[in-house]
């Protein structure tokens, strides 16, 4: 199992996603002799998982069933253990596009955090690219190394435990892109410039506060970056559903029995559609936004090394 290469069969030691529904799923490490409890009953790894195909429908001990899915960066973002605040797929998608990442790209990242963006970056630059990720917190750095090893991507990433604002990324003039998600990104702009290739490298800084953005933009200008721009991604989800609306009362239409052929005195025509036009309700499909939506996550500032 690898997050960058699809495997058909579930094996001992794999990380799999137990899918109970779109709003209910969780990761599990497959181990021989282990069981996993769900609201539908027990899943026995030895008999229910190992050797089965990813995507299989597994029946639990209480008679309910779940699907076992192959892990992807998108699924991992939704289910990973949170050690820090993370970036979600909405921001990740624009980051990978605006940094112009592709297979073979070299990327520097700080900080690693919970590894949500890291997994997406690794999948994007695989199989010949590389991610250099720097994490200030020692325990988070060690946990990230462990996860990358378990997920079969350790050959595509180098994790360093140091302060990027003081010591940089540990590489020079090799990176195609740099991503910063730290409290004071303006202090790391000089190191980011040193890590980027000679010309044309891209940089992105993620900050939740506009004051951070202002100081970062000033630092980018000071170090000669061009094409500086800041944007914000706001996600608004719509539910498509059938709704009923009452037909409005627009008043009584002028009577013109000669033209319509409708005789109001004729009992046989009292139940016709024309007679009930101003009554009842009508049903139609409509897109309705969710009552609670994800608001501001952060500002994304992009620039190019000139």
Foldseek 3Di string as FASTA:
>chain_A
DAQQDDDFAFAQLAWKKWAPDPVDIEIDGQHQQDWDQDPQAIDHRNPFGGGHTQQDWGAHPNGDITGIHHDYLQVCLVHFDFPDDDDHPQVLVVVCVQQVFAAAFEEEEPACGRPSSVRVNLNRNPDNYAYQHEYQDPVSLVVVCVVCVSNVNNVRYDYHHHDCLPVNRPAFQRGLEYEYEDPQCLSNVVSRNRRHHPFWRKYKYWFADVVSVVSNVVSCVVQPWPPKDKDFDFDWAWDKDKDKDWQAQPDDDDDDCVVPVDDPVDPVCCPPCVNCVNGDIDMDIDIHIDPDGDGTDTMMIMTTHD
